[in-house]
Protein backbone atom coordinates (compact mmCIF):
# COMPACT_ATOMS: atom_id res chain seq x y z
CA MET A 1 -47.27 -14.57 -22.61
CA LYS A 2 -45.21 -14.44 -25.81
CA ASP A 3 -42.05 -13.80 -23.81
CA ALA A 4 -42.82 -16.80 -21.62
CA ILE A 5 -43.29 -19.01 -24.68
CA LYS A 6 -40.03 -17.80 -26.22
CA ARG A 7 -38.13 -18.38 -22.98
CA THR A 8 -39.49 -21.92 -22.60
CA ARG A 9 -38.71 -22.99 -26.19
CA LEU A 10 -35.07 -23.79 -25.48
CA PRO A 11 -35.69 -25.84 -22.28
CA ILE A 12 -38.49 -27.79 -23.96
CA ALA A 13 -36.36 -28.46 -27.05
CA LEU A 14 -33.44 -29.65 -24.91
CA ILE A 15 -35.71 -31.92 -22.87
CA VAL A 16 -37.33 -33.45 -25.98
CA ILE A 17 -34.06 -33.94 -27.88
CA GLY A 18 -32.26 -35.32 -24.84
CA THR A 19 -35.10 -37.72 -24.04
CA VAL A 20 -35.26 -38.99 -27.63
CA MET A 21 -31.48 -39.52 -27.73
CA ALA A 22 -31.51 -41.37 -24.42
CA VAL A 23 -34.42 -43.61 -25.50
CA VAL A 24 -32.73 -44.43 -28.82
CA GLY A 25 -29.52 -45.29 -26.99
CA ILE A 26 -31.38 -47.56 -24.55
CA VAL A 27 -33.25 -49.31 -27.38
CA PHE A 28 -30.10 -49.99 -29.41
CA SER A 29 -28.22 -51.19 -26.36
CA THR A 30 -30.96 -53.64 -25.33
CA VAL A 31 -33.85 -54.61 -27.60
CA ALA A 32 -32.36 -53.60 -30.96
CA ARG A 33 -28.79 -54.49 -30.04
CA PRO A 34 -27.11 -56.37 -32.90
CA SER A 35 -26.61 -60.04 -32.20
CA PRO A 36 -23.03 -60.96 -31.32
CA GLU A 37 -23.47 -64.10 -33.41
CA VAL A 38 -23.38 -64.04 -37.21
CA THR A 39 -24.83 -67.01 -39.09
CA ALA A 40 -24.80 -66.89 -42.89
CA SER A 41 -26.11 -69.68 -45.15
CA LEU A 42 -25.86 -70.98 -48.71
CA ASP A 43 -29.23 -72.56 -49.42
CA GLU A 44 -29.79 -75.40 -51.88
CA PRO A 45 -26.63 -75.36 -54.00
CA GLN A 46 -26.97 -76.96 -57.43
CA GLU A 47 -23.39 -78.27 -57.62
CA PRO A 48 -22.32 -81.57 -56.00
CA TYR A 49 -19.48 -79.89 -54.08
CA VAL A 50 -19.18 -76.74 -51.98
CA MET A 51 -15.82 -75.39 -50.82
CA THR A 52 -14.76 -72.21 -48.96
CA HIS A 53 -12.29 -69.83 -50.50
CA GLU A 54 -9.00 -69.25 -48.70
CA GLY A 55 -9.45 -66.72 -45.86
CA VAL A 56 -13.26 -66.95 -45.62
CA LEU A 57 -13.09 -68.88 -42.35
CA ASP A 58 -11.17 -65.96 -40.78
CA LEU A 59 -13.63 -63.19 -41.68
CA PHE A 60 -14.19 -62.53 -37.96
CA ASP A 61 -11.87 -62.78 -34.98
CA SER A 62 -13.44 -65.98 -33.70
CA ASP A 63 -13.71 -69.66 -34.44
CA ALA A 64 -15.86 -70.66 -37.39
CA ILE A 65 -18.56 -73.31 -37.00
CA ILE A 66 -19.42 -74.94 -40.34
CA THR A 67 -22.70 -76.85 -40.52
CA ALA A 68 -24.03 -78.95 -43.40
CA GLU A 69 -27.72 -79.94 -43.37
CA GLY A 70 -29.75 -82.19 -45.62
CA ASP A 71 -32.48 -84.83 -45.49
CA GLU A 72 -32.37 -87.30 -42.63
CA GLU A 73 -31.08 -90.12 -44.86
CA THR A 74 -28.73 -87.97 -46.95
CA PRO A 75 -25.05 -88.85 -46.39
CA ILE A 76 -22.88 -85.82 -45.65
CA VAL A 77 -19.09 -85.57 -45.87
CA MET A 78 -17.12 -82.56 -44.56
CA VAL A 79 -13.34 -82.36 -44.84
CA VAL A 80 -10.65 -79.79 -43.96
CA GLY A 81 -7.65 -79.30 -46.23
CA HIS A 82 -5.39 -76.78 -47.82
CA ALA A 83 -7.20 -74.67 -50.39
CA SER A 84 -4.70 -75.72 -53.09
CA ASP A 85 -5.20 -79.43 -52.34
CA ILE A 86 -9.01 -79.12 -52.47
CA ALA A 87 -8.82 -77.17 -55.76
CA ALA A 88 -6.52 -79.83 -57.22
CA TRP A 89 -8.86 -82.62 -56.09
CA LEU A 90 -11.84 -80.84 -57.68
CA ASP A 91 -9.99 -80.13 -60.92
CA GLY A 92 -12.48 -80.43 -63.77
CA ALA A 93 -15.54 -80.97 -61.53
CA ALA A 94 -18.43 -78.53 -61.01
CA TYR A 95 -18.51 -76.91 -57.59
CA ALA A 96 -19.68 -73.78 -55.71
CA GLU A 97 -17.01 -71.69 -54.02
CA ILE A 98 -17.97 -69.54 -51.00
CA VAL A 99 -16.05 -66.28 -51.38
CA GLY A 100 -17.55 -64.14 -48.57
CA LEU A 101 -20.77 -62.61 -47.22
CA GLN A 102 -23.58 -61.30 -49.37
CA SER A 103 -25.40 -60.07 -46.24
CA TRP A 104 -25.37 -60.79 -42.54
CA THR A 105 -27.47 -63.90 -43.24
CA GLN A 106 -26.38 -64.94 -46.76
CA LEU A 107 -23.11 -66.39 -47.99
CA LYS A 108 -21.81 -65.25 -51.34
CA ALA A 109 -20.82 -68.09 -53.70
CA GLU A 110 -19.44 -68.37 -57.21
CA SER A 111 -20.28 -71.35 -59.40
CA GLN A 112 -17.49 -73.18 -61.18
CA GLU A 113 -18.66 -75.23 -64.14
CA ALA A 114 -17.28 -78.67 -64.93
CA THR A 115 -14.58 -78.73 -67.57
CA SER A 116 -14.89 -82.46 -68.24
CA ASP A 117 -17.76 -84.88 -67.79
CA ASP A 118 -15.36 -87.79 -67.45
CA ASN A 119 -13.58 -86.37 -64.38
CA GLN A 120 -15.91 -86.95 -61.42
CA PRO A 121 -13.85 -87.35 -58.23
CA GLY A 122 -16.73 -89.00 -56.36
CA SER A 123 -17.04 -88.72 -52.56
CA PRO A 124 -14.20 -86.90 -50.75
CA GLU A 125 -14.54 -89.44 -47.97
CA ASN A 126 -12.38 -91.88 -49.90
CA SER A 127 -9.36 -89.52 -50.17
CA ASP A 128 -6.48 -89.36 -47.68
CA MET A 129 -5.48 -85.78 -48.59
CA TRP A 130 -7.44 -84.14 -45.80
CA LEU A 131 -6.29 -82.82 -42.46
CA GLU A 132 -9.65 -83.52 -40.85
CA LYS A 133 -12.74 -85.38 -41.95
CA LYS A 134 -16.26 -85.71 -40.57
CA THR A 135 -19.21 -87.71 -41.90
CA GLY A 136 -22.82 -88.34 -40.97
CA THR A 137 -26.42 -88.16 -42.15
CA GLY A 138 -28.94 -85.33 -41.83
CA SER A 139 -26.57 -82.80 -40.25
CA VAL A 140 -22.83 -82.50 -39.70
CA SER A 141 -20.94 -79.70 -37.89
CA LEU A 142 -17.26 -78.91 -37.60
CA THR A 143 -15.44 -76.12 -35.72
CA GLN A 144 -12.41 -74.53 -37.28
CA LYS A 145 -10.12 -72.52 -35.00
CA HIS A 146 -9.43 -68.91 -35.84
CA GLY A 147 -6.26 -68.42 -37.88
CA ALA A 148 -7.00 -71.12 -40.42
CA GLY A 149 -4.71 -69.42 -42.92
CA ASP A 150 -4.89 -71.27 -46.26
CA LEU A 151 -7.22 -73.96 -44.97
CA SER A 152 -10.62 -74.51 -46.58
CA ILE A 153 -13.69 -76.68 -46.03
CA LEU A 154 -15.13 -79.05 -48.63
CA VAL A 155 -18.71 -80.30 -48.25
CA ALA A 156 -20.39 -82.95 -50.38
CA SER A 157 -22.95 -85.72 -50.29
CA ASP A 158 -22.03 -88.69 -52.49
CA GLY A 159 -20.39 -86.69 -55.28
CA GLU A 160 -23.38 -87.05 -57.59
CA GLN A 161 -26.32 -85.42 -55.77
CA PRO A 162 -26.35 -81.64 -55.08
CA ALA A 163 -24.39 -80.69 -52.01
CA PRO A 164 -26.31 -80.08 -48.77
CA LYS A 165 -27.11 -76.66 -47.34
CA VAL A 166 -24.02 -75.02 -45.81
CA SER A 167 -23.97 -72.39 -43.04
CA ILE A 168 -21.10 -70.76 -41.17
CA THR A 169 -21.38 -69.18 -37.73
CA TRP A 170 -18.95 -66.68 -36.19
CA GLU A 171 -18.89 -64.77 -32.92
CA ARG A 172 -18.30 -61.03 -33.24
CA THR A 173 -17.72 -58.16 -30.83
CA VAL A 174 -20.70 -55.83 -30.75
CA SER A 175 -19.78 -52.37 -29.52
CA THR A 176 -22.47 -50.35 -27.77
CA ALA A 177 -20.19 -47.40 -27.06
CA TRP A 178 -22.18 -45.14 -29.39
CA ALA A 179 -25.44 -46.20 -27.72
CA THR A 180 -23.94 -45.48 -24.29
CA ALA A 181 -22.77 -42.09 -25.55
CA LEU A 182 -26.30 -41.36 -26.79
CA ILE A 183 -27.74 -42.24 -23.39
CA ILE A 184 -25.25 -40.09 -21.48
CA PHE A 185 -25.40 -37.11 -23.84
CA GLY A 186 -29.21 -37.30 -24.05
CA ALA A 187 -29.51 -37.45 -20.26
CA LEU A 188 -27.24 -34.40 -19.93
CA LEU A 189 -29.30 -32.45 -22.47
CA ALA A 190 -32.56 -33.35 -20.71
CA LEU A 191 -31.07 -32.41 -17.33
CA LEU A 192 -29.91 -29.07 -18.74
CA GLY A 193 -33.41 -28.47 -20.13
CA PHE A 194 -35.02 -29.22 -16.76
CA SER A 195 -32.53 -26.92 -15.02
CA LEU A 196 -33.32 -24.05 -17.39
CA ALA A 197 -37.06 -24.64 -16.96
CA TRP A 198 -36.73 -24.66 -13.16
CA SER A 199 -34.67 -21.46 -13.25
CA PHE A 200 -37.27 -19.83 -15.46
CA LEU A 201 -40.10 -20.83 -13.10
CA ARG A 202 -38.25 -19.45 -10.08
CA THR A 203 -37.53 -16.17 -11.87
CA LYS A 204 -41.15 -15.96 -12.96
CA LYS A 205 -42.38 -16.40 -9.39
CA LYS A 206 -40.21 -13.50 -8.24
CA VAL A 207 -41.13 -11.18 -11.08
CA ASP A 208 -44.81 -12.05 -11.27
CA PRO A 209 -46.03 -9.96 -8.25
CA GLU A 210 -44.36 -6.80 -9.53
CA ARG A 211 -45.47 -7.45 -13.08
CA ARG A 212 -48.98 -8.19 -11.88
CA LYS A 213 -49.08 -4.93 -9.98
CA LYS A 214 -47.94 -3.01 -13.06
CA GLU A 215 -50.51 -4.75 -15.19
CA LEU A 216 -53.26 -3.96 -12.70
CA ASP A 217 -52.16 -0.32 -12.60
CA ALA A 218 -52.17 -0.22 -16.38
CA GLN A 219 -55.58 -1.88 -16.59
CA ARG A 220 -57.12 0.16 -13.83
CA ARG A 221 -60.11 2.08 -15.04
CA VAL A 222 -59.94 5.86 -15.07
CA GLU A 223 -62.24 7.19 -12.40
CA THR A 224 -65.32 8.89 -13.79
CA PRO A 225 -65.47 12.56 -12.77
CA VAL A 226 -68.02 13.10 -10.04
CA LYS A 227 -70.93 15.28 -11.12
CA LYS A 228 -71.31 18.40 -9.04
CA THR A 229 -74.83 19.16 -10.36
CA ILE A 230 -78.02 17.25 -10.99
CA GLU A 231 -80.35 18.22 -13.81
CA ALA A 232 -84.13 17.87 -13.65
CA THR A 233 -86.68 18.81 -16.30
CA ALA A 234 -90.08 20.17 -15.29
CA GLY A 235 -92.55 21.84 -17.61
CA GLY A 236 -90.02 21.86 -20.42
CA LYS A 237 -87.52 23.74 -18.26
CA THR A 238 -84.26 22.24 -17.09
CA VAL A 239 -83.27 23.06 -13.54
CA LYS A 240 -79.86 22.28 -12.07
CA PHE A 241 -79.42 21.27 -8.43
CA PRO A 242 -76.22 20.71 -6.54
CA SER A 243 -75.34 17.08 -5.89
CA ARG A 244 -75.09 15.72 -2.38
CA ARG A 245 -71.36 15.46 -2.70
CA ALA A 246 -71.10 19.07 -3.83
CA ILE A 247 -73.20 20.20 -0.83
CA ARG A 248 -71.06 18.11 1.55
CA GLU A 249 -67.84 19.50 0.16
CA ALA A 250 -69.22 23.07 0.45
CA ARG A 251 -70.13 22.48 4.11
CA GLU A 252 -66.64 21.14 4.76
CA ARG A 253 -65.27 24.33 3.25
CA GLY A 254 -67.50 26.34 5.61
CA GLU A 255 -69.78 27.70 2.89
CA ASN A 256 -73.44 28.43 3.76
CA GLU A 257 -74.72 28.32 0.22
CA ILE A 258 -73.91 27.25 -3.32
CA ILE A 259 -74.72 29.34 -6.36
CA ILE A 260 -75.58 27.49 -9.57
CA ASP A 261 -76.77 29.41 -12.61
CA GLY A 262 -77.62 32.39 -10.39
CA GLN A 263 -79.69 30.33 -7.95
CA ARG A 264 -78.65 30.01 -4.35
CA PHE A 265 -78.86 26.68 -2.55
CA ASP A 266 -78.44 26.37 1.20
CA THR A 267 -75.77 23.89 2.26
CA GLY A 268 -77.35 23.38 5.68
CA LEU A 269 -74.31 24.67 7.50
CA VAL A 270 -75.19 25.54 11.15
CA PRO A 271 -73.75 28.94 12.14
CA VAL A 272 -71.38 28.78 15.06
CA VAL A 273 -70.89 31.89 17.26
CA LYS A 274 -67.48 32.06 18.76
CA LYS A 275 -67.19 33.81 22.11
CA VAL A 276 -64.57 36.42 21.79
CA ARG A 277 -63.56 38.18 24.97
CA THR A 278 -61.59 41.21 24.08
CA VAL A 279 -61.28 43.39 27.11
CA GLU A 280 -58.70 46.04 27.14
CA GLU A 281 -56.16 45.69 29.81
CA ASP A 282 -56.70 49.28 31.19
CA ALA A 283 -60.45 48.57 31.64
CA LEU A 284 -59.76 45.83 34.17
CA PRO A 285 -59.96 46.84 37.87
CA GLY A 286 -56.57 47.32 39.41
CA ASP A 287 -55.20 46.21 42.74
CA PRO A 288 -57.06 47.97 45.62
CA SER A 289 -53.81 48.48 47.39
CA THR A 290 -52.30 50.36 44.45
CA ASP A 291 -55.46 51.94 42.92
CA THR A 292 -55.30 55.56 44.23
CA ASP A 293 -58.55 56.69 42.57
CA SER A 294 -60.58 53.98 44.28
CA HIS A 295 -58.98 54.82 47.64
CA ALA A 296 -59.76 58.51 47.25
CA VAL A 297 -63.39 57.84 46.41
CA SER A 298 -63.66 55.66 49.49
CA GLU A 299 -62.26 58.42 51.70
CA VAL A 300 -64.70 61.05 50.33
CA ARG A 301 -67.65 58.76 50.93
CA ARG A 302 -66.51 58.08 54.47
CA GLU A 303 -66.18 61.81 55.30
CA GLU A 304 -69.63 62.60 53.84
CA GLY A 305 -71.10 59.98 56.05
CA GLU A 306 -69.54 61.38 59.17
CA SER A 307 -70.79 64.94 58.44
CA ASN A 308 -74.30 63.77 57.93
CA GLU A 309 -74.26 62.21 61.35
């Protein structure tokens, strides 16, 4: 039993590990697969302007979709320009600069305090420095092609109220090669475990009859010696009698009686008289034609008869 348990440990371990690996790979390639879309937000900025640092729009190898959201009646202005031009336009004003990702869902921003209260540039809608401009209320979106280089985005409301919420969305390539490798490797391990288990079962079926026979031989009870005598107590005296088996064996040996403690017991053997015919060859009558004594006697008797007549 212990040997069987030891031999099945490896197949069971391979099956369990392989199954777990395959399940994990399937889960991470389907249900728990990372989203190919990354959307990070900057919620409720306190500054009236929000701009992106140079290179932020090209964090991923895809186009960037910039969305500004506010109240339904809040005016929103979004412009595209060179980072140096936007920085020059904002010179002296307070603004928040998006410098990267804080997490997969949060944008990282640095606040720039105003250096002069007198220099408020107002709404960027009124400037002609921008390469692209988009306005609206409630929500405004703009798509910037990948490879923006030194281009940046500036978002504002009216230049006095806090800027609206800004979010940027990118498409990314999600590789599931490691999950596929887990599935394949796990399946191979499980298959190897099942193969070893099947081989063990087949070997066990072949060995079991012989092993069972050996076990039965080992567990076979030792035969109790057969008693040749039977004891009986009468009047405080113990008398021994031959057992039925002892009498039968004595008869088979041709014995008429058994002697136990000086007492003779008849085995019931019936005497058999064998007819033995031992006649000497010279006592047998010979051939009348060659027996001379018989012929002579016959002649004497014949002569005596004739004389009497």
